[in-house]
PDB file of N, CA and C in Angstrom:
ATOM      1  N   MET A   1       1.175  -1.389  -0.304  1.00  0.00           N
ATOM      2  CA  MET A   1       0.000  -0.039   0.024  1.00  0.00           C
ATOM      3  C   MET A   1       0.663   1.366  -0.115  1.00  0.00           C
ATOM      4  N   ARG A   2       0.631   2.235  -0.930  1.00  0.00           N
ATOM      5  CA  ARG A   2       1.142   3.861  -0.796  1.00  0.00           C
ATOM      6  C   ARG A   2       1.104   4.319   0.227  1.00  0.00           C
ATOM      7  N   SER A   3       2.345   4.983   0.668  1.00  0.00           N
ATOM      8  CA  SER A   3       2.086   5.995   1.822  1.00  0.00           C
ATOM      9  C   SER A   3       1.174   7.393   1.314  1.00  0.00           C
ATOM     10  N   LYS A   4       0.973   7.709   2.368  1.00  0.00           N
ATOM     11  CA  LYS A   4       0.125   9.115   1.954  1.00  0.00           C
ATOM     12  C   LYS A   4       1.307  10.009   1.397  1.00  0.00           C
ATOM     13  N   THR A   5       0.703  11.032   0.236  1.00  0.00           N
ATOM     14  CA  THR A   5       1.384  12.066  -0.377  1.00  0.00           C
ATOM     15  C   THR A   5       1.680  12.951   0.812  1.00  0.00           C
ATOM     16  N   PRO A   6       2.686  13.811   0.516  1.00  0.00           N
ATOM     17  CA  PRO A   6       3.011  15.367   1.348  1.00  0.00           C
ATOM     18  C   PRO A   6       1.569  15.754   1.653  1.00  0.00           C
ATOM     19  N   TRP A   7       0.714  16.200   0.544  1.00  0.00           N
ATOM     20  CA  TRP A   7      -0.401  16.757   0.721  1.00  0.00           C
ATOM     21  C   TRP A   7      -1.207  16.071   1.351  1.00  0.00           C
ATOM     22  N   GLN A   8      -1.436  15.345   1.046  1.00  0.00           N
ATOM     23  CA  GLN A   8      -2.382  14.328   2.424  1.00  0.00           C
ATOM     24  C   GLN A   8      -1.932  14.325   3.691  1.00  0.00           C
ATOM     25  N   LYS A   9      -0.494  14.103   3.963  1.00  0.00           N
ATOM     26  CA  LYS A   9      -0.454  13.924   5.611  1.00  0.00           C
ATOM     27  C   LYS A   9      -0.894  15.513   5.790  1.00  0.00           C
ATOM     28  N   VAL A  10      -0.370  16.888   5.580  1.00  0.00           N
ATOM     29  CA  VAL A  10      -0.494  17.859   5.826  1.00  0.00           C
ATOM     30  C   VAL A  10      -2.090  18.385   5.665  1.00  0.00           C
ATOM     31  N   PHE A  11      -2.595  17.494   4.832  1.00  0.00           N
ATOM     32  CA  PHE A  11      -4.211  18.275   4.665  1.00  0.00           C
ATOM     33  C   PHE A  11      -4.922  17.269   6.031  1.00  0.00           C
ATOM     34  N   ARG A  12      -4.355  16.007   6.299  1.00  0.00           N
ATOM     35  CA  ARG A  12      -5.180  15.114   7.411  1.00  0.00           C
ATOM     36  C   ARG A  12      -4.819  15.947   9.105  1.00  0.00           C
ATOM     37  N   LYS A  13      -3.775  16.291   8.878  1.00  0.00           N
ATOM     38  CA  LYS A  13      -3.121  16.770  10.219  1.00  0.00           C
ATOM     39  C   LYS A  13      -3.611  18.147  10.398  1.00  0.00           C
ATOM     40  N   ILE A  14      -3.730  18.858   9.491  1.00  0.00           N
ATOM     41  CA  ILE A  14      -4.321  20.380   9.731  1.00  0.00           C
ATOM     42  C   ILE A  14      -6.088  20.144   9.989  1.00  0.00           C
ATOM     43  N   GLY A  15      -6.485  18.928   9.629  1.00  0.00           N
ATOM     44  CA  GLY A  15      -8.140  18.887  10.208  1.00  0.00           C
ATOM     45  C   GLY A  15      -9.155  19.599   9.456  1.00  0.00           C
ATOM     46  N   LEU A  16      -8.806  20.618   8.450  1.00  0.00           N
ATOM     47  CA  LEU A  16      -9.991  21.412   7.978  1.00  0.00           C
ATOM     48  C   LEU A  16     -10.642  20.465   6.505  1.00  0.00           C
ATOM     49  N   SER A  17     -11.678  20.915   6.724  1.00  0.00           N
ATOM     50  CA  SER A  17     -12.401  20.443   4.988  1.00  0.00           C
ATOM     51  C   SER A  17     -11.730  20.949   3.987  1.00  0.00           C
ATOM     52  N   GLN A  18     -11.964  20.335   2.611  1.00  0.00           N
ATOM     53  CA  GLN A  18     -10.794  21.202   1.414  1.00  0.00           C
ATOM     54  C   GLN A  18     -11.117  22.194   1.218  1.00  0.00           C
ATOM     55  N   SER A  19     -12.776  22.883   1.066  1.00  0.00           N
ATOM     56  CA  SER A  19     -13.257  24.386   1.182  1.00  0.00           C
ATOM     57  C   SER A  19     -12.919  25.310   2.161  1.00  0.00           C
ATOM     58  N   SER A  20     -12.860  24.867   3.206  1.00  0.00           N
ATOM     59  CA  SER A  20     -11.962  25.758   4.542  1.00  0.00           C
ATOM     60  C   SER A  20     -10.610  25.715   4.280  1.00  0.00           C
ATOM     61  N   LEU A  21      -9.619  25.032   3.912  1.00  0.00           N
ATOM     62  CA  LEU A  21      -8.326  25.002   3.661  1.00  0.00           C
ATOM     63  C   LEU A  21      -8.349  25.702   2.536  1.00  0.00           C
ATOM     64  N   ALA A  22      -9.092  25.846   1.384  1.00  0.00           N
ATOM     65  CA  ALA A  22      -8.775  26.891   0.387  1.00  0.00           C
ATOM     66  C   ALA A  22      -9.040  28.023   0.439  1.00  0.00           C
ATOM     67  N   LYS A  23     -10.297  28.399   1.589  1.00  0.00           N
ATOM     68  CA  LYS A  23     -10.849  29.572   1.903  1.00  0.00           C
ATOM     69  C   LYS A  23      -9.743  30.046   2.361  1.00  0.00           C
ATOM     70  N   GLU A  24      -8.610  29.286   3.097  1.00  0.00           N
ATOM     71  CA  GLU A  24      -7.707  30.287   4.435  1.00  0.00           C
ATOM     72  C   GLU A  24      -6.538  30.458   3.474  1.00  0.00           C
ATOM     73  N   MET A  25      -6.408  29.480   2.507  1.00  0.00           N
ATOM     74  CA  MET A  25      -5.211  29.932   1.089  1.00  0.00           C
ATOM     75  C   MET A  25      -5.612  31.005   0.459  1.00  0.00           C
ATOM     76  N   GLY A  26      -6.735  31.159   0.123  1.00  0.00           N
ATOM     77  CA  GLY A  26      -7.570  31.994  -1.009  1.00  0.00           C
ATOM     78  C   GLY A  26      -7.307  31.574  -2.144  1.00  0.00           C
ATOM     79  N   CYS A  27      -7.712  30.308  -2.374  1.00  0.00           N
ATOM     80  CA  CYS A  27      -7.278  29.840  -3.877  1.00  0.00           C
ATOM     81  C   CYS A  27      -8.746  29.356  -3.901  1.00  0.00           C
ATOM     82  N   HIS A  28      -9.409  28.471  -4.826  1.00  0.00           N
ATOM     83  CA  HIS A  28     -10.372  27.772  -5.624  1.00  0.00           C
ATOM     84  C   HIS A  28     -10.138  26.572  -4.599  1.00  0.00           C
ATOM     85  N   ARG A  29     -11.289  25.633  -4.346  1.00  0.00           N
ATOM     86  CA  ARG A  29     -11.183  23.844  -3.509  1.00  0.00           C
ATOM     87  C   ARG A  29     -11.220  23.031  -4.566  1.00  0.00           C
ATOM     88  N   SER A  30     -10.720  23.549  -5.845  1.00  0.00           N
ATOM     89  CA  SER A  30     -10.484  22.283  -6.885  1.00  0.00           C
ATOM     90  C   SER A  30      -8.979  22.371  -6.561  1.00  0.00           C
ATOM     91  N   LYS A  31      -8.083  23.442  -6.537  1.00  0.00           N
ATOM     92  CA  LYS A  31      -6.482  23.411  -6.156  1.00  0.00           C
ATOM     93  C   LYS A  31      -6.315  22.150  -5.433  1.00  0.00           C
ATOM     94  N   ILE A  32      -7.436  22.492  -4.094  1.00  0.00           N
ATOM     95  CA  ILE A  32      -6.877  21.465  -2.977  1.00  0.00           C
ATOM     96  C   ILE A  32      -7.147  19.878  -3.478  1.00  0.00           C
ATOM     97  N   SER A  33      -8.301  19.892  -4.259  1.00  0.00           N
ATOM     98  CA  SER A  33      -8.699  18.392  -4.693  1.00  0.00           C
ATOM     99  C   SER A  33      -7.687  17.822  -5.384  1.00  0.00           C
ATOM    100  N   VAL A  34      -7.565  18.789  -6.835  1.00  0.00           N
ATOM    101  CA  VAL A  34      -6.402  18.482  -7.271  1.00  0.00           C
ATOM    102  C   VAL A  34      -4.913  17.802  -6.569  1.00  0.00           C
ATOM    103  N   ALA A  35      -4.532  18.866  -5.681  1.00  0.00           N
ATOM    104  CA  ALA A  35      -3.222  18.218  -5.088  1.00  0.00           C
ATOM    105  C   ALA A  35      -3.271  17.055  -4.222  1.00  0.00           C
ATOM    106  N   LEU A  36      -5.001  16.896  -3.384  1.00  0.00           N
ATOM    107  CA  LEU A  36      -4.584  15.889  -2.460  1.00  0.00           C
ATOM    108  C   LEU A  36      -4.648  14.210  -3.866  1.00  0.00           C
ATOM    109  N   LYS A  37      -5.537  14.715  -5.069  1.00  0.00           N
ATOM    110  CA  LYS A  37      -5.432  13.626  -5.896  1.00  0.00           C
ATOM    111  C   LYS A  37      -4.097  13.126  -6.429  1.00  0.00           C
ATOM    112  N   GLY A  38      -3.204  13.743  -6.757  1.00  0.00           N
ATOM    113  CA  GLY A  38      -2.082  13.944  -7.376  1.00  0.00           C
ATOM    114  C   GLY A  38      -1.037  12.564  -7.147  1.00  0.00           C
ATOM    115  N   ASP A  39      -0.678  12.231  -7.940  1.00  0.00           N
ATOM    116  CA  ASP A  39       0.205  11.045  -7.789  1.00  0.00           C
ATOM    117  C   ASP A  39       1.875  11.209  -6.687  1.00  0.00           C
ATOM    118  N   ASP A  40       2.584  12.531  -6.617  1.00  0.00           N
ATOM    119  CA  ASP A  40       3.389  13.287  -5.982  1.00  0.00           C
ATOM    120  C   ASP A  40       3.294  13.605  -5.172  1.00  0.00           C
ATOM    121  N   GLY A  41       1.922  14.606  -4.967  1.00  0.00           N
ATOM    122  CA  GLY A  41       1.728  15.066  -3.457  1.00  0.00           C
ATOM    123  C   GLY A  41       2.154  16.283  -3.416  1.00  0.00           C
ATOM    124  N   LEU A  42       3.384  16.818  -4.151  1.00  0.00           N
ATOM    125  CA  LEU A  42       4.382  17.477  -3.469  1.00  0.00           C
ATOM    126  C   LEU A  42       3.871  18.771  -3.433  1.00  0.00           C
ATOM    127  N   VAL A  43       4.141  19.295  -2.107  1.00  0.00           N
ATOM    128  CA  VAL A  43       3.681  20.770  -2.019  1.00  0.00           C
ATOM    129  C   VAL A  43       4.812  21.991  -2.329  1.00  0.00           C
ATOM    130  N   ASN A  44       4.128  22.961  -3.193  1.00  0.00           N
ATOM    131  CA  ASN A  44       5.137  23.840  -3.586  1.00  0.00           C
ATOM    132  C   ASN A  44       5.422  24.782  -2.364  1.00  0.00           C
ATOM    133  N   ALA A  45       6.855  25.808  -2.584  1.00  0.00           N
ATOM    134  CA  ALA A  45       7.157  26.494  -1.664  1.00  0.00           C
ATOM    135  C   ALA A  45       5.651  27.863  -0.995  1.00  0.00           C
ATOM    136  N   ARG A  46       5.387  28.319  -1.761  1.00  0.00           N
ATOM    137  CA  ARG A  46       4.260  29.286  -2.009  1.00  0.00           C
ATOM    138  C   ARG A  46       3.235  28.123  -0.707  1.00  0.00           C
ATOM    139  N   ASP A  47       2.920  27.416  -0.832  1.00  0.00           N
ATOM    140  CA  ASP A  47       1.629  26.518  -0.320  1.00  0.00           C
ATOM    141  C   ASP A  47       2.238  26.087   1.175  1.00  0.00           C
ATOM    142  N   GLN A  48       3.224  25.854   0.919  1.00  0.00           N
ATOM    143  CA  GLN A  48       4.281  25.219   1.971  1.00  0.00           C
ATOM    144  C   GLN A  48       4.169  26.531   3.517  1.00  0.00           C
ATOM    145  N   VAL A  49       4.519  27.788   2.849  1.00  0.00           N
ATOM    146  CA  VAL A  49       4.156  29.034   3.999  1.00  0.00           C
ATOM    147  C   VAL A  49       2.911  28.960   4.200  1.00  0.00           C
ATOM    148  N   SER A  50       1.819  29.100   2.889  1.00  0.00           N
ATOM    149  CA  SER A  50       0.577  29.468   3.630  1.00  0.00           C
ATOM    150  C   SER A  50       0.197  27.710   4.856  1.00  0.00           C
ATOM    151  N   LEU A  51       0.733  27.048   4.334  1.00  0.00           N
ATOM    152  CA  LEU A  51       0.070  26.013   5.211  1.00  0.00           C
ATOM    153  C   LEU A  51       0.812  25.724   6.535  1.00  0.00           C
ATOM    154  N   MET A  52       2.040  26.219   6.578  1.00  0.00           N
ATOM    155  CA  MET A  52       2.728  26.367   7.902  1.00  0.00           C
ATOM    156  C   MET A  52       1.386  27.819   8.994  1.00  0.00           C
ATOM    157  N   LYS A  53       1.553  28.646   8.364  1.00  0.00           N
ATOM    158  CA  LYS A  53       0.766  29.720   9.171  1.00  0.00           C
ATOM    159  C   LYS A  53      -0.585  29.214   9.663  1.00  0.00           C
ATOM    160  N   ILE A  54      -1.366  28.468   8.537  1.00  0.00           N
ATOM    161  CA  ILE A  54      -2.774  28.167   8.557  1.00  0.00           C
ATOM    162  C   ILE A  54      -2.925  26.947  10.002  1.00  0.00           C
ATOM    163  N   ALA A  55      -1.445  26.104   9.927  1.00  0.00           N
ATOM    164  CA  ALA A  55      -1.601  25.159  11.003  1.00  0.00           C
ATOM    165  C   ALA A  55      -0.786  26.158  12.346  1.00  0.00           C
ATOM    166  N   THR A  56      -0.473  26.972  11.947  1.00  0.00           N
ATOM    167  CA  THR A  56      -0.237  27.480  13.296  1.00  0.00           C
ATOM    168  C   THR A  56      -1.242  28.136  14.131  1.00  0.00           C
ATOM    169  N   LYS A  57      -2.205  28.831  12.887  1.00  0.00           N
ATOM    170  CA  LYS A  57      -2.903  29.334  13.683  1.00  0.00           C
ATOM    171  C   LYS A  57      -4.449  28.365  14.098  1.00  0.00           C
ATOM    172  N   HIS A  58      -4.363  27.181  13.589  1.00  0.00           N
ATOM    173  CA  HIS A  58      -5.179  26.067  14.382  1.00  0.00           C
ATOM    174  C   HIS A  58      -4.147  25.286  15.361  1.00  0.00           C
ATOM    175  N   GLY A  59      -3.192  25.994  15.785  1.00  0.00           N
ATOM    176  CA  GLY A  59      -2.586  24.864  16.823  1.00  0.00           C
ATOM    177  C   GLY A  59      -1.877  23.668  16.677  1.00  0.00           C
ATOM    178  N   VAL A  60      -1.841  23.315  15.308  1.00  0.00           N
ATOM    179  CA  VAL A  60      -1.214  22.150  14.737  1.00  0.00           C
ATOM    180  C   VAL A  60       0.456  22.563  14.633  1.00  0.00           C
ATOM    181  N   LYS A  61       1.197  21.325  15.072  1.00  0.00           N
ATOM    182  CA  LYS A  61       2.426  21.879  14.286  1.00  0.00           C
ATOM    183  C   LYS A  61       2.746  20.826  13.298  1.00  0.00           C
ATOM    184  N   LEU A  62       3.513  21.528  12.224  1.00  0.00           N
ATOM    185  CA  LEU A  62       3.877  20.739  11.137  1.00  0.00           C
ATOM    186  C   LEU A  62       5.638  20.798  11.172  1.00  0.00           C
ATOM    187  N   THR A  63       6.223  19.457  10.426  1.00  0.00           N
ATOM    188  CA  THR A  63       7.102  19.597  10.379  1.00  0.00           C
ATOM    189  C   THR A  63       7.882  19.107   9.320  1.00  0.00           C
ATOM    190  N   LEU A  64       9.036  19.319   9.432  1.00  0.00           N
ATOM    191  CA  LEU A  64       9.553  18.827   7.466  1.00  0.00           C
ATOM    192  C   LEU A  64       9.476  17.744   7.093  1.00  0.00           C
ATOM    193  N   ALA A  65       9.135  16.684   7.805  1.00  0.00           N
ATOM    194  CA  ALA A  65       9.182  15.163   7.798  1.00  0.00           C
ATOM    195  C   ALA A  65       7.580  15.381   7.081  1.00  0.00           C
ATOM    196  N   ASP A  66       6.685  15.959   7.470  1.00  0.00           N
ATOM    197  CA  ASP A  66       5.203  16.477   6.766  1.00  0.00           C
ATOM    198  C   ASP A  66       5.508  16.591   5.276  1.00  0.00           C
ATOM    199  N   PHE A  67       6.380  17.559   5.166  1.00  0.00           N
ATOM    200  CA  PHE A  67       6.256  18.183   3.749  1.00  0.00           C
ATOM    201  C   PHE A  67       7.138  16.803   2.377  1.00  0.00           C
ATOM    202  N   VAL A  68       7.797  16.038   3.231  1.00  0.00           N
ATOM    203  CA  VAL A  68       8.455  15.164   2.516  1.00  0.00           C
ATOM    204  C   VAL A  68       7.952  13.648   2.354  1.00  0.00           C
ATOM    205  N   ASP A  69       8.255  13.278   0.866  1.00  0.00           N
ATOM    206  CA  ASP A  69       7.638  12.048   0.639  1.00  0.00           C
ATOM    207  C   ASP A  69       8.769  10.976   0.968  1.00  0.00           C
ATOM    208  N   VAL A  70       8.315   9.804   1.786  1.00  0.00           N
ATOM    209  CA  VAL A  70       9.799   9.262   2.549  1.00  0.00           C
ATOM    210  C   VAL A  70       9.236   8.030   2.024  1.00  0.00           C
ATOM    211  N   ALA A  71       9.801   7.218   0.976  1.00  0.00           N
ATOM    212  CA  ALA A  71       8.977   6.321   0.273  1.00  0.00           C
ATOM    213  C   ALA A  71       9.990   4.968   0.729  1.00  0.00           C
TER     214      ALA A  71
END
């Protein structure tokens, strides 16, 4: 079984819905949907910054390991 992609790990850890996360990131929810379904699920640098800020706002601690695919 394939391990979770970085996008999937971060999304699950933050715990918001796709719509809520998209709203906080200032993007359309389809961006989140596509990112979660992607094969590599890599999080680009701009999104990493946004996700870190959102996680901090919601009391969630993200680490480098959350953004790296350790296959």
